């Protein structure tokens, strides 16, 4: 495990979103897939400090990244990574490295110094994002973590019909949020598949209760419980003992 902060959004007991936007990788007890709405099926992180899921909307990204601003249209821009600004009668253009750029409307150009000063007062973002690289023809790579500090701007992307998720334009290419069980397993290989559709962190398992009707993993100082498939029981017991 790595002691790093991962960006996500808190999910409260009633299914509503909470005010927190990061959790420690070390605190992950388990991951399951969650269907918050008809079209979406996303990872749900059970952690020692609450439950979280990935960011799926620009409004959630705006809250999670306070040093980002909507400068023109629907691009949420990382002000820290702007290399230079070109102004004109139309407003302006913000340039990042590699000549990647996005627009700035007239309203924001007029208060540009204030925007920059506001962001400078905020702490640098040291968090990581659980995501996947978008490669040729919109195909997705393996699950991984990448630094939030590498993001230039965020917009929305449609990987499949009626399924819109954030897309991150970064210094290392295009990424989107990690959305699948497979991506979770790839990014966090230390997690173990206790049963179909579930990954658990053996480090936080206190014991496994074995009963005739099935086995259950009991987690340290937590109410979190996970069913353990019969085919996985022996291997999981070997890991935690």
Protein backbone atom coordinates (compact mmCIF):
# COMPACT_ATOMS: atom_id res chain seq x y z
CA UNK A 1 0.00 0.00 0.00
CA UNK A 2 1.02 3.58 -0.54
CA UNK A 3 0.39 6.36 1.94
CA UNK A 4 -1.23 8.70 -0.58
CA UNK A 5 -4.43 10.72 -0.69
CA UNK A 6 -6.87 9.69 -3.39
CA UNK A 7 -9.44 12.09 -4.81
CA UNK A 8 -13.06 10.96 -4.54
CA UNK A 9 -16.38 12.12 -3.17
CA UNK A 10 -17.81 11.02 0.18
CA UNK A 11 -21.00 8.94 0.13
CA UNK A 12 -23.12 9.27 3.25
CA UNK A 13 -25.31 6.55 4.80
CA UNK A 14 -28.43 7.76 2.97
CA UNK A 15 -26.66 7.63 -0.40
CA UNK A 16 -26.22 11.40 -0.67
CA UNK A 17 -22.83 12.98 -1.27
CA UNK A 18 -20.89 14.45 1.63
CA UNK A 19 -18.44 17.34 2.00
CA UNK A 20 -15.16 15.39 1.81
CA UNK A 21 -13.17 14.85 -1.38
CA UNK A 22 -10.21 12.65 -0.52
CA UNK A 23 -9.27 9.54 1.44
CA UNK A 24 -6.07 7.69 2.26
CA UNK A 25 -5.17 4.64 0.20
CA UNK A 26 -3.96 3.03 3.42
CA UNK A 27 -7.49 3.26 4.84
CA UNK A 28 -9.22 1.25 2.10
CA UNK A 29 -10.86 -1.86 3.56
CA UNK A 30 -12.74 -2.97 0.48
CA UNK A 31 -14.16 -1.99 -2.90
CA UNK A 32 -17.45 -3.00 -4.47
CA UNK A 33 -19.27 -1.79 -7.56
CA UNK A 34 -22.14 0.63 -6.97
CA UNK A 35 -25.01 1.77 -9.18
CA UNK A 36 -25.91 5.33 -8.05
CA UNK A 37 -28.22 5.86 -11.03
CA UNK A 38 -29.65 3.97 -14.00
CA UNK A 39 -26.72 4.37 -16.41
CA UNK A 40 -23.82 4.40 -13.95
CA UNK A 41 -21.89 1.57 -12.33
CA UNK A 42 -18.88 2.87 -10.39
CA UNK A 43 -16.43 1.78 -7.67
CA UNK A 44 -17.52 2.24 -4.07
CA UNK A 45 -14.65 2.51 -1.56
CA UNK A 46 -15.21 1.37 2.03
CA UNK A 47 -12.53 3.08 4.10
CA UNK A 48 -11.61 3.51 7.74
CA UNK A 49 -12.77 7.12 7.57
CA UNK A 50 -15.99 6.79 5.58
CA UNK A 51 -17.24 5.67 2.19
CA UNK A 52 -16.30 7.26 -1.13
CA UNK A 53 -16.78 6.93 -4.86
CA UNK A 54 -15.15 8.46 -7.94
CA UNK A 55 -16.02 11.89 -9.33
CA UNK A 56 -18.59 11.61 -12.13
CA UNK A 57 -19.70 15.23 -12.70
CA UNK A 58 -18.07 18.59 -13.38
CA UNK A 59 -19.90 20.09 -10.40
CA UNK A 60 -18.27 17.50 -8.14
CA UNK A 61 -14.89 18.26 -9.74
CA UNK A 62 -15.41 21.96 -9.09
CA UNK A 63 -15.87 21.24 -5.37
CA UNK A 64 -13.00 18.75 -5.24
CA UNK A 65 -10.55 21.13 -6.96
CA UNK A 66 -10.92 24.60 -5.36
CA UNK A 67 -7.95 25.95 -7.33
CA UNK A 68 -9.71 25.23 -10.66
CA UNK A 69 -11.98 27.77 -12.37
CA UNK A 70 -14.45 27.86 -15.25
CA UNK A 71 -12.79 30.47 -17.46
CA UNK A 72 -14.96 30.11 -20.55
CA UNK A 73 -17.54 27.46 -21.37
CA UNK A 74 -17.42 24.06 -19.69
CA UNK A 75 -13.66 23.54 -19.22
CA UNK A 76 -12.66 23.47 -15.54
CA UNK A 77 -9.14 24.88 -15.60
CA UNK A 78 -6.19 24.29 -13.27
CA UNK A 79 -4.93 27.84 -12.80
CA UNK A 80 -1.66 26.60 -11.27
CA UNK A 81 -0.59 25.00 -14.55
CA UNK A 82 -1.20 27.93 -16.88
CA UNK A 83 2.08 28.84 -18.55
CA UNK A 84 1.05 32.14 -20.17
CA UNK A 85 -2.03 34.15 -21.12
CA UNK A 86 -2.63 35.90 -24.44
CA UNK A 87 -5.26 38.66 -24.31
CA UNK A 88 -7.30 40.37 -26.99
CA UNK A 89 -10.64 42.03 -27.68
CA UNK A 90 -12.32 38.61 -27.51
CA UNK A 91 -11.01 37.91 -23.99
CA UNK A 92 -7.98 35.67 -23.77
CA UNK A 93 -6.34 32.28 -24.26
CA UNK A 94 -4.66 30.36 -21.46
CA UNK A 95 -1.70 28.29 -22.66
CA UNK A 96 -0.22 25.29 -20.92
CA UNK A 97 2.96 23.47 -21.81
CA UNK A 98 3.02 21.68 -25.18
CA UNK A 99 0.85 24.51 -26.56
CA UNK A 100 -2.35 23.01 -25.14
CA UNK A 101 -4.77 25.87 -24.54
CA UNK A 102 -8.27 26.89 -23.50
CA UNK A 103 -10.27 30.11 -23.72
CA UNK A 104 -10.86 32.87 -21.17
CA UNK A 105 -13.95 35.03 -21.57
CA UNK A 106 -13.91 38.83 -21.25
CA UNK A 107 -15.47 38.78 -17.79
CA UNK A 108 -12.65 36.65 -16.36
CA UNK A 109 -9.91 38.52 -18.21
CA UNK A 110 -11.00 41.71 -16.44
CA UNK A 111 -10.46 40.07 -13.03
CA UNK A 112 -7.58 37.81 -14.04
CA UNK A 113 -5.17 39.09 -11.40
CA UNK A 114 -7.78 38.50 -8.70
CA UNK A 115 -8.32 34.92 -9.91
CA UNK A 116 -4.59 34.21 -9.81
CA UNK A 117 -4.19 35.80 -6.37
CA UNK A 118 -7.07 33.71 -5.00
CA UNK A 119 -5.54 30.47 -6.24
CA UNK A 120 -2.08 31.37 -4.97
CA UNK A 121 -3.47 31.47 -1.45
CA UNK A 122 -4.50 27.81 -1.68
CA UNK A 123 -2.22 24.87 -0.93
CA UNK A 124 -0.65 22.93 -3.77
CA UNK A 125 -2.59 19.77 -4.59
CA UNK A 126 -0.60 16.67 -3.58
CA UNK A 127 -3.44 14.18 -4.12
CA UNK A 128 -3.66 11.31 -6.60
CA UNK A 129 -6.46 10.41 -9.00
CA UNK A 130 -7.54 6.85 -9.64
CA UNK A 131 -7.97 6.73 -13.39
CA UNK A 132 -7.17 5.17 -16.74
CA UNK A 133 -5.38 6.63 -19.74
CA UNK A 134 -7.40 7.23 -22.89
CA UNK A 135 -5.35 5.85 -25.77
CA UNK A 136 -5.96 5.53 -29.52
CA UNK A 137 -9.57 5.43 -30.77
CA UNK A 138 -10.90 6.12 -27.29
CA UNK A 139 -9.69 2.82 -25.89
CA UNK A 140 -8.81 2.71 -22.19
CA UNK A 141 -5.54 1.57 -20.66
CA UNK A 142 -4.97 -0.17 -17.31
CA UNK A 143 -6.06 1.32 -13.99
CA UNK A 144 -3.45 3.51 -12.33
CA UNK A 145 -2.91 6.57 -10.17
CA UNK A 146 -1.69 9.90 -11.52
CA UNK A 147 -0.96 13.20 -9.72
CA UNK A 148 -3.67 15.82 -9.67
CA UNK A 149 -0.88 18.38 -10.10
CA UNK A 150 -0.43 17.21 -13.72
CA UNK A 151 -3.94 18.22 -14.80
CA UNK A 152 -4.32 21.16 -17.22
CA UNK A 153 -8.11 21.18 -17.40
CA UNK A 154 -11.16 18.94 -17.04
CA UNK A 155 -14.10 18.50 -19.40
CA UNK A 156 -16.77 15.82 -19.85
CA UNK A 157 -16.39 12.79 -22.09
CA UNK A 158 -18.82 10.16 -23.40
CA UNK A 159 -17.03 6.78 -23.46
CA UNK A 160 -20.32 5.12 -24.36
CA UNK A 161 -23.84 6.28 -25.14
CA UNK A 162 -25.47 8.38 -22.38
CA UNK A 163 -22.51 7.84 -20.05
CA UNK A 164 -20.71 11.10 -19.32
CA UNK A 165 -17.68 11.23 -17.03
CA UNK A 166 -14.82 13.68 -16.40
CA UNK A 167 -11.88 13.69 -18.78
CA UNK A 168 -8.53 15.01 -17.58
CA UNK A 169 -6.21 16.80 -20.00
CA UNK A 170 -2.76 16.42 -18.47
CA UNK A 171 0.92 16.82 -19.18
CA UNK A 172 1.05 13.05 -19.76
CA UNK A 173 -1.97 12.77 -22.08
CA UNK A 174 -5.69 12.16 -21.64
CA UNK A 175 -7.20 10.30 -18.68
CA UNK A 176 -10.64 9.57 -17.31
CA UNK A 177 -11.79 8.30 -13.92
CA UNK A 178 -11.39 4.62 -13.09
CA UNK A 179 -14.83 3.08 -13.44
CA UNK A 180 -14.46 -0.68 -13.41
CA UNK A 181 -13.65 -3.54 -11.09
CA UNK A 182 -10.81 -4.49 -13.43
CA UNK A 183 -9.26 -1.00 -13.19
CA UNK A 184 -9.40 -1.18 -9.38
CA UNK A 185 -7.63 -4.55 -9.36
CA UNK A 186 -4.95 -3.23 -11.72
CA UNK A 187 -4.28 -0.05 -9.75
CA UNK A 188 -4.34 -1.78 -6.34
CA UNK A 189 -2.96 -5.30 -6.85
CA UNK A 190 -2.59 -5.88 -3.09
CA UNK A 191 -6.39 -6.11 -2.78
CA UNK A 192 -7.85 -9.62 -2.80
CA UNK A 193 -11.08 -10.78 -4.55
CA UNK A 194 -13.03 -12.20 -1.60
CA UNK A 195 -15.97 -12.94 -3.86
CA UNK A 196 -17.27 -11.96 -7.28
CA UNK A 197 -17.38 -8.18 -7.64
CA UNK A 198 -15.55 -7.40 -4.40
CA UNK A 199 -11.96 -6.57 -3.48
CA UNK A 200 -10.73 -6.52 0.13
CA UNK A 201 -7.62 -5.31 1.89
CA UNK A 202 -6.25 -8.30 3.87
CA UNK A 203 -4.32 -5.95 6.15
CA UNK A 204 -7.53 -4.72 7.80
CA UNK A 205 -9.14 -8.15 8.27
CA UNK A 206 -9.24 -9.12 11.94
CA UNK A 207 -10.58 -12.63 11.45
CA UNK A 208 -12.76 -14.80 9.25
CA UNK A 209 -15.86 -16.35 10.81
CA UNK A 210 -16.54 -19.73 9.22
CA UNK A 211 -20.08 -21.08 9.35
CA UNK A 212 -21.85 -23.95 7.61
CA UNK A 213 -23.80 -21.51 5.45
CA UNK A 214 -20.76 -19.40 4.53
CA UNK A 215 -17.76 -17.39 5.73
CA UNK A 216 -17.52 -13.71 6.63
CA UNK A 217 -14.45 -11.46 6.87
CA UNK A 218 -14.56 -9.25 9.99
CA UNK A 219 -12.58 -6.01 9.76
CA UNK A 220 -10.60 -4.39 12.58
CA UNK A 221 -12.48 -1.75 14.59
CA UNK A 222 -15.21 -1.55 11.95
CA UNK A 223 -18.77 -2.67 11.21
CA UNK A 224 -17.72 -3.55 7.67
CA UNK A 225 -18.34 -7.22 6.81
CA UNK A 226 -17.66 -9.12 3.60
CA UNK A 227 -18.79 -12.54 2.46
CA UNK A 228 -15.89 -14.79 1.45
CA UNK A 229 -16.46 -17.22 -1.40
CA UNK A 230 -15.68 -20.85 -0.57
CA UNK A 231 -13.14 -20.99 -3.41
CA UNK A 232 -11.29 -17.96 -1.97
CA UNK A 233 -11.34 -18.91 1.72
CA UNK A 234 -8.14 -20.95 2.00
CA UNK A 235 -5.99 -18.45 0.09
CA UNK A 236 -7.36 -15.46 2.02
CA UNK A 237 -6.76 -17.19 5.38
CA UNK A 238 -3.19 -17.86 4.28
CA UNK A 239 -2.66 -14.15 3.53
CA UNK A 240 -3.98 -12.83 6.85
CA UNK A 241 -2.39 -15.47 9.08
